[in-house]
Amino acid sequence: MPIRQLPGHLINQIAAGEVVERPASVVKELVENSLDAGARAIEIDIVAGGQKLIRVRDDGTGIARDEMPLALSRHATSKIASLDDLESVVSLGFRGEALPSIASVARLILTSSRGERAWQVEADNGVLSEARPAAHPIGTTVEVHDLFYNTPARRKFLRTERTEFSHIDKWLRRLALARPEVAFTVTHNRRTTLKLRAANDDASRLRRVTEICGESFAAQCMSVQRETDSMAISGWIALPTFNRSQADMQFWFVNGRSISDKTLSHAVRHAYRDVLFHGRFPAYVLYLSMDPQGVDANAHPAKHEVRFRDGRSVHGFVSQAVEHVLRDTRPGGHDVIPVPANVVSTKIYQQSPMALGSGGQPTTSVAEALSGYRALGGAALTETGEPAADDLPPLGFAVAQLSGIYILAENSDGLVVVDMHAAHERITYEKLKCSFDDSDVVRQPLLVPATLAVSEAEATLAEQSAALFKRLGLVVDRSGPTGLVIREVPALLSRADAETLVRDVIADLQASGASSRVEESCHEILATMACHHSVRANRSMTVPEMNALLRQMEATDRADQCNHGRPTWTSISLAELDKLFLRGQ
């Protein structure tokens, strides 16, 4: 077959294969155009999962009559004009391919007004009609009928109506999170499926997050706010106890664009490393703002991914910001009540059993026992013999030990139950980490240096990252185009597989520009040490010991979970107890 120039319409259909994968792709492109046009309210109507009709109406700036044919031609856009604009993109769309690509595989009607008069053009199989007057308020409406009607092979690959709409709904929820200041109304087969009001303050933005992510997420999330000269991060992260089996509730927005990025995902996962079960995933909604010149939005045809100019700095900034918030996952958070001075005592108190008489009534007054424990804890007593609510620390004061496993305590809200081994394990682990992090990594030379065969690119990367390897406690030299020699390893990892460790570090550097592999391996050993040196089950603890453990928990970072991700404590409010015993009913 001779070489020939492809027809323009066929070129558009080929290009549509990159832009229009399914109805959700059409919705995404059209809504992003509306957002770029400054819309404050967007209405999306879907029929038959988007296969029969997709209608997007906005109240944006609109399109002038003479520009409407240009809007439906390839590589025509108002969003960039030069290479400098491309290197600092602030809009969601910028290639000028969305509308012509959609028009090449569907029947498209474009109606728009800038205030004086509205105009309408139609595109059918690549053929444009003349602009004609129409009735329309300020803004733009794009109607897409019979998607893939002229490419039946692609239409056959579409899924069921329900599945296609689920993809549309997913993207719309992402876009609604990206732009909370914009109102969204979505209908499917004339039934309203989503209606979101504009959110212009912190409370309403959290309400939108609640509407999209659910009340459980909103009830168990923490706010993230951190800023430097070059970057700023904000949003919400879920408590470690609110974890998922899949990475299905992770939303990243970079300069208002919804993206999926390995560097950012790894940074958050690294911050959660000590508070999650293995195989579980955190949930979060996070917004990263930075200089547009530091991020390349032109890295993927569908604009799902971005590329950072300095990925290592971005990774470190995000990880530190999230980790700083997670440190306060402890009883009371920042509001830690210090141990009162009168707690310190040389007198040893023993917990006496509350023996029951023949009548089944306690022979020892519970009130007397509780008052003794409160006095031991240092809480100020009122005239009635009860502690003042303001003087009770978050975990309260120990009352008893249950089955040699749990500590029972009373605080201002009700009953607190603490897993003493898990709690002590976290306390010990954090102390070991602080001691390890505050000192230089001790390196141990290998008696016989280990040789490692890698690719030339990996060897070059290791050579360029020699300083980073040394900070990690590794001394790695290049021995040839594709060879590495491992001469020293961290003393704490002297029994670890050095070759696998170096390979993993190199893989991390290639993927995200940073590596926490050595740190994680060291922390795993410290975690094992903490587990072995923590109080065991069936250990009888005195009341002073139990109270001391509670006070240490309140002062320890991440004390809400042990280093394996298990919760260390829970509470039962008085209202819940009253409900159990039908009090007041």
Protein backbone atom coordinates (compact mmCIF):
# COMPACT_ATOMS: atom_id res chain seq x y z
CA MET A 1 0.00 0.00 0.00
CA PRO A 2 1.46 3.37 -0.99
CA ILE A 3 2.12 6.10 1.56
CA ARG A 4 -0.73 8.62 1.63
CA GLN A 5 -1.94 11.53 3.69
CA LEU A 6 -4.77 10.56 6.01
CA PRO A 7 -8.04 12.50 5.75
CA GLY A 8 -8.57 15.09 8.47
CA HIS A 9 -11.66 13.38 9.84
CA LEU A 10 -9.80 10.05 10.17
CA ILE A 11 -6.97 11.87 11.96
CA ASN A 12 -9.49 13.22 14.45
CA GLN A 13 -10.95 9.75 14.98
CA ILE A 14 -7.49 8.32 15.64
CA ALA A 15 -6.76 11.17 18.07
CA ALA A 16 -10.09 10.50 19.73
CA GLY A 17 -8.76 7.08 20.72
CA GLU A 18 -6.37 8.80 23.14
CA VAL A 19 -8.84 11.37 24.45
CA VAL A 20 -12.20 9.56 24.36
CA GLU A 21 -11.88 6.11 25.89
CA ARG A 22 -15.47 5.87 27.15
CA PRO A 23 -18.36 8.19 28.09
CA ALA A 24 -16.58 9.14 31.32
CA SER A 25 -13.75 10.62 29.24
CA VAL A 26 -16.23 12.87 27.44
CA VAL A 27 -17.76 14.05 30.71
CA LYS A 28 -14.34 14.76 32.20
CA GLU A 29 -13.19 16.84 29.22
CA LEU A 30 -16.41 18.83 28.98
CA VAL A 31 -16.61 19.57 32.72
CA GLU A 32 -12.94 20.60 32.77
CA ASN A 33 -13.66 23.02 29.92
CA SER A 34 -16.52 24.46 31.98
CA LEU A 35 -14.25 24.89 34.98
CA ASP A 36 -11.62 26.60 32.84
CA ALA A 37 -14.35 28.95 31.62
CA GLY A 38 -14.93 30.13 35.19
CA ALA A 39 -18.24 28.35 35.75
CA ARG A 40 -19.78 28.58 39.22
CA ALA A 41 -22.58 26.07 38.55
CA ILE A 42 -22.48 23.05 36.23
CA GLU A 43 -25.36 20.76 35.25
CA ILE A 44 -24.62 17.33 33.81
CA ASP A 45 -27.40 15.25 32.22
CA ILE A 46 -26.66 11.65 31.29
CA VAL A 47 -28.88 9.21 29.38
CA ALA A 48 -28.15 5.49 29.07
CA GLY A 49 -24.80 5.70 30.78
CA GLY A 50 -23.66 8.41 28.36
CA GLN A 51 -24.09 6.31 25.21
CA LYS A 52 -27.23 8.16 24.03
CA LEU A 53 -26.75 11.62 25.53
CA ILE A 54 -24.23 13.64 27.52
CA ARG A 55 -25.23 17.23 28.18
CA VAL A 56 -23.02 19.65 30.12
CA ARG A 57 -24.33 23.15 30.82
CA ASP A 58 -22.37 25.87 32.63
CA ASP A 59 -22.61 29.55 33.50
CA GLY A 60 -19.06 30.38 32.39
CA THR A 61 -17.79 33.10 30.08
CA GLY A 62 -19.18 31.53 26.91
CA ILE A 63 -17.76 31.40 23.37
CA ALA A 64 -18.00 34.14 20.74
CA ARG A 65 -19.78 33.35 17.47
CA ASP A 66 -16.69 33.61 15.27
CA GLU A 67 -14.71 31.35 17.65
CA MET A 68 -17.22 28.48 17.71
CA PRO A 69 -15.89 26.78 14.54
CA LEU A 70 -12.36 27.14 15.94
CA ALA A 71 -13.45 25.47 19.18
CA LEU A 72 -14.33 22.37 17.11
CA SER A 73 -11.03 22.29 15.20
CA ARG A 74 -7.87 20.51 16.36
CA HIS A 75 -5.13 22.32 18.24
CA ALA A 76 -7.21 25.44 18.74
CA THR A 77 -7.35 26.74 22.30
CA SER A 78 -7.55 29.94 24.32
CA LYS A 79 -5.55 28.53 27.22
CA ILE A 80 -1.99 28.65 25.91
CA ALA A 81 -0.24 30.62 23.20
CA SER A 82 3.46 29.82 23.56
CA LEU A 83 5.94 27.31 24.93
CA ASP A 84 6.29 29.43 28.06
CA ASP A 85 2.55 29.00 28.68
CA LEU A 86 2.88 25.24 28.23
CA GLU A 87 5.65 25.07 30.82
CA SER A 88 3.46 26.79 33.41
CA VAL A 89 -0.03 25.45 32.72
CA VAL A 90 -2.66 26.53 35.24
CA SER A 91 -5.76 25.39 33.32
CA LEU A 92 -7.16 21.86 33.26
CA GLY A 93 -7.24 21.65 29.47
CA PHE A 94 -4.69 23.11 27.09
CA ARG A 95 -4.23 20.88 24.04
CA GLY A 96 -7.31 21.91 22.05
CA GLU A 97 -8.17 18.30 21.19
CA ALA A 98 -11.19 17.48 23.37
CA LEU A 99 -14.07 18.98 21.37
CA PRO A 100 -12.86 17.98 17.86
CA SER A 101 -12.09 14.45 19.08
CA ILE A 102 -15.53 14.10 20.61
CA ALA A 103 -17.18 15.58 17.49
CA SER A 104 -15.43 12.98 15.32
CA VAL A 105 -17.06 10.03 17.12
CA ALA A 106 -20.46 11.51 18.04
CA ARG A 107 -23.10 14.02 17.04
CA LEU A 108 -22.25 17.22 18.87
CA ILE A 109 -24.27 20.40 19.43
CA LEU A 110 -22.48 23.46 20.82
CA THR A 111 -24.58 26.36 22.14
CA SER A 112 -23.03 29.38 23.80
CA SER A 113 -23.64 32.98 24.76
CA ARG A 114 -21.53 35.82 26.07
CA GLY A 115 -24.51 37.96 27.01
CA GLU A 116 -25.87 39.68 23.93
CA ARG A 117 -26.95 36.79 21.75
CA ALA A 118 -26.60 33.00 21.78
CA TRP A 119 -25.37 30.92 18.86
CA GLN A 120 -25.41 27.25 18.02
CA VAL A 121 -23.34 25.01 15.75
CA GLU A 122 -23.63 21.29 15.07
CA ALA A 123 -21.00 18.74 14.14
CA ASP A 124 -21.97 15.42 12.56
CA ASN A 125 -19.29 13.01 11.42
CA GLY A 126 -16.78 15.84 11.21
CA VAL A 127 -19.03 18.18 9.21
CA LEU A 128 -19.79 21.56 10.83
CA SER A 129 -22.97 23.51 10.31
CA GLU A 130 -23.28 27.26 10.04
CA ALA A 131 -23.78 29.14 13.29
CA ARG A 132 -27.43 30.00 13.89
CA PRO A 133 -29.19 31.99 16.61
CA ALA A 134 -30.38 30.14 19.69
CA ALA A 135 -31.90 30.77 23.12
CA HIS A 136 -29.36 30.38 25.90
CA PRO A 137 -28.25 32.29 29.02
CA ILE A 138 -24.65 33.38 29.52
CA GLY A 139 -22.51 30.26 29.42
CA THR A 140 -22.16 27.17 27.27
CA THR A 141 -24.02 23.92 26.68
CA VAL A 142 -22.44 20.96 24.91
CA GLU A 143 -24.64 18.04 23.88
CA VAL A 144 -23.07 14.77 22.78
CA HIS A 145 -25.50 12.35 21.10
CA ASP A 146 -24.95 8.73 20.10
CA LEU A 147 -21.34 8.33 21.18
CA PHE A 148 -19.32 6.04 18.86
CA TYR A 149 -22.24 5.75 16.39
CA ASN A 150 -19.77 5.89 13.48
CA THR A 151 -17.20 3.58 15.10
CA PRO A 152 -19.28 0.49 15.95
CA ALA A 153 -16.21 -1.54 16.89
CA ARG A 154 -15.48 0.82 19.78
CA ARG A 155 -19.12 0.93 20.79
CA LYS A 156 -19.09 -2.87 21.22
CA PHE A 157 -16.36 -2.55 23.85
CA LEU A 158 -18.50 -0.36 26.10
CA ARG A 159 -19.81 -1.98 29.26
CA THR A 160 -23.32 -1.98 30.63
CA GLU A 161 -25.19 1.26 31.21
CA ARG A 162 -24.71 0.90 34.96
CA THR A 163 -20.96 0.32 34.67
CA GLU A 164 -20.39 3.26 32.34
CA PHE A 165 -22.33 5.60 34.60
CA SER A 166 -20.31 4.42 37.60
CA HIS A 167 -17.16 5.59 35.78
CA ILE A 168 -18.83 8.93 35.04
CA ASP A 169 -19.92 9.30 38.66
CA LYS A 170 -16.40 8.53 39.85
CA TRP A 171 -14.87 11.30 37.75
CA LEU A 172 -17.56 13.83 38.63
CA ARG A 173 -16.99 13.25 42.32
CA ARG A 174 -13.26 13.79 41.81
CA LEU A 175 -13.90 17.03 39.94
CA ALA A 176 -16.37 18.14 42.62
CA LEU A 177 -13.68 17.61 45.25
CA ALA A 178 -11.16 19.47 43.10
CA ARG A 179 -13.39 22.54 42.86
CA PRO A 180 -15.57 22.79 45.97
CA GLU A 181 -16.50 26.39 45.12
CA VAL A 182 -18.50 25.15 42.10
CA ALA A 183 -22.04 23.77 42.38
CA PHE A 184 -22.74 20.45 40.62
CA THR A 185 -26.03 18.86 39.60
CA VAL A 186 -25.99 15.41 37.99
CA THR A 187 -28.95 13.50 36.54
CA HIS A 188 -29.01 10.03 35.01
CA ASN A 189 -32.06 9.00 33.02
CA ARG A 190 -33.86 12.07 34.42
CA ARG A 191 -33.16 11.07 38.01
CA THR A 192 -30.95 13.34 40.14
CA THR A 193 -28.00 11.33 41.44
CA LEU A 194 -25.82 14.11 42.81
CA LYS A 195 -26.57 17.66 43.89
CA LEU A 196 -23.82 19.67 45.52
CA ARG A 197 -24.01 23.28 46.59
CA ALA A 198 -21.04 25.61 46.22
CA ALA A 199 -18.67 25.47 49.19
CA ASN A 200 -16.88 28.70 50.05
CA ASP A 201 -15.72 28.18 53.64
CA ASP A 202 -14.04 25.44 55.68
CA ALA A 203 -17.29 24.08 57.12
CA SER A 204 -19.02 23.80 53.74
CA ARG A 205 -15.90 22.29 52.14
CA LEU A 206 -15.86 19.61 54.81
CA ARG A 207 -19.56 19.09 54.15
CA ARG A 208 -18.78 18.43 50.49
CA VAL A 209 -16.10 15.94 51.51
CA THR A 210 -18.72 14.28 53.71
CA GLU A 211 -21.21 14.07 50.84
CA ILE A 212 -18.64 12.44 48.57
CA CYS A 213 -16.51 10.33 50.93
CA GLY A 214 -19.17 9.51 53.52
CA GLU A 215 -19.91 10.47 57.11
CA SER A 216 -17.56 7.82 58.49
CA PHE A 217 -14.59 9.43 56.77
CA ALA A 218 -15.59 12.91 57.90
CA ALA A 219 -16.02 11.73 61.50
CA GLN A 220 -12.58 10.09 61.53
CA CYS A 221 -10.43 12.54 59.61
CA MET A 222 -7.83 15.11 60.60
CA SER A 223 -7.03 18.38 58.91
CA VAL A 224 -3.68 18.88 57.16
CA GLN A 225 -2.29 22.38 56.72
CA ARG A 226 1.34 23.10 55.94
CA GLU A 227 3.11 25.67 53.79
CA THR A 228 6.63 26.56 52.69
CA ASP A 229 7.98 29.16 50.29
CA SER A 230 7.50 26.85 47.31
CA MET A 231 4.71 24.44 48.27
CA ALA A 232 1.52 24.23 50.29
CA ILE A 233 -0.58 21.23 51.25
CA SER A 234 -4.07 21.13 52.71
CA GLY A 235 -6.92 18.69 53.06
CA TRP A 236 -7.92 15.79 55.25
CA ILE A 237 -6.43 12.42 56.16
CA ALA A 238 -8.29 9.61 57.87
CA LEU A 239 -7.33 8.16 61.22
CA PRO A 240 -5.35 4.94 60.91
CA THR A 241 -8.34 3.04 62.28
CA PHE A 242 -10.31 4.16 59.22
CA ASN A 243 -8.39 2.12 56.67
CA ARG A 244 -9.40 0.42 53.43
CA SER A 245 -8.70 -2.88 51.74
CA GLN A 246 -8.16 -1.02 48.46
CA ALA A 247 -6.70 2.34 47.49
CA ASP A 248 -10.18 3.51 46.50
CA MET A 249 -10.48 6.58 48.73
CA GLN A 250 -7.28 8.39 47.90
CA PHE A 251 -7.72 11.75 46.19
CA TRP A 252 -4.81 13.90 45.10
CA PHE A 253 -5.20 17.34 43.53
CA VAL A 254 -2.19 19.25 42.26
CA ASN A 255 -2.94 22.89 41.42
CA GLY A 256 -6.62 21.98 41.16
CA ARG A 257 -6.04 18.99 38.86
CA SER A 258 -7.12 15.48 39.89
CA ILE A 259 -4.15 13.19 39.35
CA SER A 260 -2.70 9.82 40.25
CA ASP A 261 1.00 9.96 41.09
CA LYS A 262 3.34 7.34 42.51
CA THR A 263 5.55 9.89 44.27
CA LEU A 264 2.66 11.41 46.19
CA SER A 265 1.07 8.04 46.99
CA HIS A 266 4.37 6.69 48.28
CA ALA A 267 4.90 9.79 50.43
CA VAL A 268 1.58 9.29 52.22
CA ARG A 269 2.10 5.55 52.55
CA HIS A 270 5.50 6.25 54.10
CA ALA A 271 3.92 8.58 56.65
CA TYR A 272 1.41 5.86 57.65
CA ARG A 273 4.04 3.12 57.83
CA ASP A 274 3.95 2.70 61.63
CA VAL A 275 0.22 2.95 62.19
CA LEU A 276 -1.39 0.69 59.58
CA PHE A 277 -1.78 -3.05 59.20
CA HIS A 278 0.21 -4.47 56.33
CA GLY A 279 -1.97 -4.73 53.25
CA ARG A 280 -4.32 -1.93 54.32
CA PHE A 281 -4.56 1.48 52.67
CA PRO A 282 -5.11 4.96 54.13
CA ALA A 283 -7.89 7.30 53.01
CA TYR A 284 -7.31 10.97 52.27
CA VAL A 285 -8.32 14.06 50.31
CA LEU A 286 -5.24 16.23 49.77
CA TYR A 287 -4.51 19.38 47.79
CA LEU A 288 -0.98 20.33 46.75
CA SER A 289 -0.25 23.83 45.48
CA MET A 290 3.08 24.72 43.92
CA ASP A 291 4.72 26.74 41.19
CA PRO A 292 3.28 25.50 37.86
CA GLN A 293 6.79 25.52 36.42
CA GLY A 294 7.75 22.83 38.92
CA VAL A 295 5.18 20.34 37.62
CA ASP A 296 4.64 19.03 34.09
CA ALA A 297 0.94 18.45 33.35
CA ASN A 298 1.74 17.34 29.80
CA ALA A 299 3.16 13.97 30.83
CA HIS A 300 0.13 11.82 29.90
CA PRO A 301 -2.34 12.08 26.98
CA ALA A 302 -5.31 11.85 29.35
CA LYS A 303 -3.65 14.22 31.87
CA HIS A 304 -4.08 11.67 34.68
CA GLU A 305 -0.43 11.91 35.66
CA VAL A 306 2.04 14.70 36.24
CA ARG A 307 5.82 14.86 36.45
CA PHE A 308 7.61 16.86 39.14
CA ARG A 309 10.82 18.72 38.45
CA ASP A 310 12.09 17.95 41.97
CA GLY A 311 10.24 14.81 43.01
CA ARG A 312 12.46 14.23 46.04
CA SER A 313 11.57 17.58 47.60
CA VAL A 314 7.86 17.04 46.94
CA HIS A 315 8.04 13.56 48.47
CA GLY A 316 9.78 14.83 51.60
CA PHE A 317 7.42 17.79 52.03
CA VAL A 318 4.26 15.68 51.72
CA SER A 319 5.56 12.88 53.92
CA GLN A 320 6.61 15.26 56.69
CA ALA A 321 3.31 17.16 56.57
CA VAL A 322 1.20 14.01 56.90
CA GLU A 323 3.50 12.47 59.49
CA HIS A 324 3.31 15.63 61.61
CA VAL A 325 -0.46 15.27 61.81
CA LEU A 326 -0.31 11.54 62.52
CA ARG A 327 1.97 12.16 65.49
CA ASP A 328 -1.02 13.60 67.30
CA THR A 329 -2.99 10.37 67.03
CA ARG A 330 -2.76 9.95 70.75
CA PRO A 331 -5.21 10.43 73.61
CA GLY A 332 -5.92 14.13 73.86
CA GLY A 333 -3.77 15.11 70.88
CA HIS A 334 -2.03 18.43 71.58
CA ASP A 335 -4.05 18.94 74.73
CA VAL A 336 -1.97 16.66 76.89
CA ILE A 337 -2.54 17.12 80.59
CA PRO A 338 0.77 16.71 82.42
CA VAL A 339 1.10 14.36 85.35
CA PRO A 340 0.24 16.28 88.56
CA ALA A 341 3.09 16.77 90.97
CA ASN A 342 1.40 14.93 93.81
CA VAL A 343 1.27 11.72 91.77
CA VAL A 344 4.85 10.94 92.63
CA SER A 345 4.88 8.84 95.78
CA THR A 346 7.04 6.21 97.33
CA LYS A 347 4.03 4.45 98.84
CA ILE A 348 3.07 1.24 97.07
CA TYR A 349 -0.65 0.63 96.59
CA GLN A 350 -1.98 -2.82 95.98
CA GLN A 351 -5.20 -3.51 94.19
CA SER A 352 -7.44 -5.48 96.51
CA PRO A 353 -9.99 -7.87 95.05
CA MET A 354 -13.60 -6.92 95.53
CA ALA A 355 -14.81 -10.10 97.21
CA LEU A 356 -18.52 -10.82 97.05
CA GLY A 357 -20.47 -11.94 100.09
CA SER A 358 -23.12 -14.60 100.13
CA GLY A 359 -25.76 -12.07 99.14
CA GLY A 360 -23.90 -11.14 96.01
CA GLN A 361 -23.20 -7.58 97.17
CA PRO A 362 -19.67 -6.17 97.25
CA THR A 363 -18.15 -6.07 100.69
CA THR A 364 -15.85 -3.18 99.67
CA SER A 365 -17.36 0.14 98.70
CA VAL A 366 -16.77 0.85 95.04
CA ALA A 367 -16.92 4.57 95.75
CA GLU A 368 -14.12 4.20 98.30
CA ALA A 369 -11.94 2.26 95.85
CA LEU A 370 -12.49 4.79 93.06
CA SER A 371 -11.76 7.73 95.35
CA GLY A 372 -8.50 6.09 96.35
CA TYR A 373 -7.46 5.60 92.73
CA ARG A 374 -8.39 9.19 91.87
CA ALA A 375 -6.39 10.50 94.78
CA LEU A 376 -3.49 8.39 93.59
CA GLY A 377 -3.81 9.92 90.11
CA GLY A 378 -3.85 13.42 91.51
CA ALA A 379 -7.30 14.52 90.39
CA ALA A 380 -8.79 17.25 92.53
CA LEU A 381 -11.93 16.09 94.33
CA THR A 382 -15.06 18.20 94.70
CA GLU A 383 -17.12 18.47 97.90
CA THR A 384 -19.13 15.48 96.79
CA GLY A 385 -16.02 13.35 96.52
CA GLU A 386 -16.05 13.36 92.70
CA PRO A 387 -13.16 14.66 90.59
CA ALA A 388 -13.57 17.88 88.71
CA ALA A 389 -14.15 17.08 85.02
CA ASP A 390 -11.54 19.60 83.90
CA ASP A 391 -8.86 17.88 85.99
CA LEU A 392 -9.25 14.46 84.39
CA PRO A 393 -6.64 13.59 81.76
CA PRO A 394 -7.82 12.13 78.42
CA LEU A 395 -7.43 8.53 79.56
CA GLY A 396 -8.61 9.21 83.10
CA PHE A 397 -7.32 7.12 86.00
CA ALA A 398 -6.96 3.39 86.37
CA VAL A 399 -9.71 1.50 88.14
CA ALA A 400 -8.79 -2.15 87.63
CA GLN A 401 -7.00 -4.70 85.48
CA LEU A 402 -9.01 -7.21 83.44
CA SER A 403 -7.71 -10.71 82.67
CA GLY A 404 -4.14 -9.52 82.88
CA ILE A 405 -4.57 -7.93 79.44
CA TYR A 406 -6.65 -4.78 79.71
CA ILE A 407 -6.53 -1.70 81.92
CA LEU A 408 -9.90 -0.28 82.91
CA ALA A 409 -9.91 3.43 83.56
CA GLU A 410 -12.49 6.15 84.11
CA ASN A 411 -12.39 9.55 82.41
CA SER A 412 -14.87 12.39 82.08
CA ASP A 413 -16.77 10.62 79.29
CA GLY A 414 -17.08 7.17 80.78
CA LEU A 415 -15.08 3.95 80.62
CA VAL A 416 -11.67 3.58 78.94
CA VAL A 417 -10.25 0.17 78.01
CA VAL A 418 -6.50 -0.03 77.22
CA ASP A 419 -4.60 -2.96 75.73
CA MET A 420 -1.58 -2.71 78.01
CA HIS A 421 0.80 -4.70 75.75
CA ALA A 422 -0.09 -2.75 72.61
CA ALA A 423 0.17 0.56 74.48
CA HIS A 424 3.52 -0.26 76.07
CA GLU A 425 4.80 -1.54 72.71
CA ARG A 426 4.08 1.84 71.08
CA ILE A 427 5.72 3.73 73.94
CA THR A 428 8.85 1.55 73.80
CA TYR A 429 8.99 1.69 70.00
CA GLU A 430 8.82 5.50 69.89
CA LYS A 431 11.61 5.74 72.47
CA LEU A 432 13.80 3.40 70.42
CA LYS A 433 13.10 5.36 67.22
CA CYS A 434 13.99 8.66 68.86
CA SER A 435 17.24 7.21 70.16
CA PHE A 436 18.03 5.75 66.72
CA ASP A 437 17.12 8.91 64.77
CA ASP A 438 19.07 11.22 67.11
CA SER A 439 22.32 9.36 66.54
CA ASP A 440 24.33 8.83 63.37
CA VAL A 441 23.79 5.55 61.58
CA VAL A 442 26.52 3.17 62.68
CA ARG A 443 28.01 1.36 59.70
CA GLN A 444 29.60 -2.07 59.76
CA PRO A 445 32.14 -3.05 57.10
CA LEU A 446 31.48 -6.35 55.37
CA LEU A 447 34.23 -8.90 55.82
CA VAL A 448 33.75 -9.90 52.19
CA PRO A 449 32.30 -7.06 50.08
CA ALA A 450 29.22 -8.12 48.16
CA THR A 451 29.18 -7.71 44.38
CA LEU A 452 25.98 -6.82 42.60
CA ALA A 453 25.15 -6.99 38.88
CA VAL A 454 22.73 -4.29 37.76
CA SER A 455 21.81 -2.44 34.59
CA GLU A 456 23.95 0.44 33.42
CA ALA A 457 21.21 2.93 34.28
CA GLU A 458 20.92 1.51 37.82
CA ALA A 459 24.69 1.63 38.28
CA THR A 460 24.76 5.26 37.16
CA LEU A 461 21.93 6.14 39.54
CA ALA A 462 23.71 4.44 42.45
CA GLU A 463 26.92 6.30 41.62
CA GLN A 464 25.07 9.63 41.50
CA SER A 465 23.34 8.83 44.79
CA ALA A 466 26.47 7.86 46.70
CA ALA A 467 25.94 10.61 49.29
CA LEU A 468 22.37 9.44 49.88
CA PHE A 469 23.55 5.85 50.32
CA LYS A 470 26.08 6.98 52.94
CA ARG A 471 23.38 8.83 54.88
CA LEU A 472 21.44 5.57 54.89
CA GLY A 473 24.45 3.72 56.28
CA LEU A 474 25.39 2.07 52.98
CA VAL A 475 28.73 2.37 51.21
CA VAL A 476 28.24 1.32 47.58
CA ASP A 477 30.94 1.75 44.92
CA ARG A 478 30.68 1.29 41.19
CA SER A 479 32.95 -1.47 39.90
CA GLY A 480 32.19 -1.23 36.19
CA PRO A 481 29.51 -0.29 33.69
CA THR A 482 27.01 -2.74 35.23
CA GLY A 483 28.60 -3.65 38.57
CA LEU A 484 28.30 -2.43 42.17
CA VAL A 485 30.26 -3.36 45.28
CA ILE A 486 28.64 -3.15 48.72
CA ARG A 487 31.32 -2.46 51.31
CA GLU A 488 29.42 -1.28 54.40
CA VAL A 489 25.88 -1.71 55.74
CA PRO A 490 24.04 -0.31 58.78
CA ALA A 491 25.12 -2.21 61.90
CA LEU A 492 21.49 -2.79 62.81
CA LEU A 493 20.99 -4.58 59.48
CA SER A 494 24.19 -6.62 59.54
CA ARG A 495 22.21 -9.84 59.17
CA ALA A 496 19.95 -8.54 56.44
CA ASP A 497 20.29 -9.39 52.75
CA ALA A 498 22.52 -6.51 51.60
CA GLU A 499 22.03 -7.18 47.89
CA THR A 500 18.24 -7.14 48.12
CA LEU A 501 18.37 -4.01 50.28
CA VAL A 502 20.48 -2.09 47.74
CA ARG A 503 18.31 -3.26 44.84
CA ASP A 504 15.19 -2.08 46.68
CA VAL A 505 16.75 1.31 47.42
CA ILE A 506 17.66 1.77 43.75
CA ALA A 507 14.14 0.77 42.69
CA ASP A 508 12.66 3.34 45.09
CA LEU A 509 14.97 6.03 43.74
CA GLN A 510 13.92 5.24 40.18
CA ALA A 511 10.21 5.27 41.04
CA SER A 512 9.91 8.25 43.37
CA GLY A 513 13.31 9.90 43.68
CA ALA A 514 13.54 8.93 47.36
CA SER A 515 13.90 5.81 49.44
CA SER A 516 12.93 4.93 52.97
CA ARG A 517 13.87 1.28 52.56
CA VAL A 518 16.79 1.32 55.02
CA GLU A 519 14.84 3.34 57.57
CA GLU A 520 11.89 0.95 57.30
CA SER A 521 14.13 -2.09 57.69
CA CYS A 522 15.77 -0.59 60.77
CA HIS A 523 12.39 0.35 62.20
CA GLU A 524 11.17 -3.22 61.66
CA ILE A 525 14.01 -4.43 63.88
CA LEU A 526 13.25 -1.74 66.45
CA ALA A 527 9.60 -2.78 66.36
CA THR A 528 10.58 -6.37 67.09
CA MET A 529 12.76 -5.22 69.95
CA ALA A 530 9.90 -3.09 71.31
CA CYS A 531 7.51 -6.04 71.10
CA HIS A 532 9.89 -8.34 72.96
CA HIS A 533 10.60 -5.80 75.70
CA SER A 534 7.01 -4.71 76.31
CA VAL A 535 4.82 -5.85 79.16
CA ARG A 536 3.26 -9.23 78.49
CA ALA A 537 -0.22 -10.57 79.02
CA ASN A 538 -1.05 -11.89 82.49
CA ARG A 539 1.40 -9.46 84.05
CA SER A 540 -0.20 -8.16 87.23
CA MET A 541 0.21 -4.38 87.39
CA THR A 542 -0.26 -2.13 90.39
CA VAL A 543 -2.46 0.92 90.14
CA PRO A 544 0.55 3.28 90.09
CA GLU A 545 2.02 1.26 87.19
CA MET A 546 -1.24 1.40 85.28
CA ASN A 547 -1.59 5.16 85.79
CA ALA A 548 2.02 5.69 84.78
CA LEU A 549 1.34 3.77 81.55
CA LEU A 550 -1.73 5.92 80.84
CA ARG A 551 0.24 9.13 81.35
CA GLN A 552 3.01 7.91 79.03
CA MET A 553 0.42 7.10 76.37
CA GLU A 554 -0.91 10.65 76.50
CA ALA A 555 2.59 12.01 75.95
CA THR A 556 3.63 9.57 73.18
CA ASP A 557 3.19 10.23 69.48
CA ARG A 558 0.91 7.86 67.56
CA ALA A 559 -0.18 6.22 70.81
CA ASP A 560 -3.64 5.45 69.42
CA GLN A 561 -2.12 2.46 67.57
CA CYS A 562 0.67 0.04 68.23
CA ASN A 563 3.41 -0.21 65.63
CA HIS A 564 1.51 -3.08 63.96
CA GLY A 565 -1.54 -0.90 63.40
CA ARG A 566 -3.70 -2.35 66.19
CA PRO A 567 -5.67 0.13 68.32
CA THR A 568 -4.28 0.58 71.81
CA TRP A 569 -7.40 1.88 73.52
CA THR A 570 -11.10 2.46 73.18
CA SER A 571 -13.78 4.13 75.20
CA ILE A 572 -17.43 3.57 76.08
CA SER A 573 -19.37 6.70 76.95
CA LEU A 574 -21.83 6.92 79.81
CA ALA A 575 -24.62 7.36 77.26
CA GLU A 576 -23.66 4.05 75.62
CA LEU A 577 -23.55 2.35 78.99
CA ASP A 578 -26.95 3.77 79.89
CA LYS A 579 -28.30 2.45 76.62
CA LEU A 580 -26.94 -1.02 77.34
CA PHE A 581 -28.68 -1.11 80.71
CA LEU A 582 -31.86 0.63 79.45
CA ARG A 583 -31.43 3.49 81.90
CA GLY A 584 -33.94 6.30 81.44
CA GLN A 585 -36.27 4.13 79.34
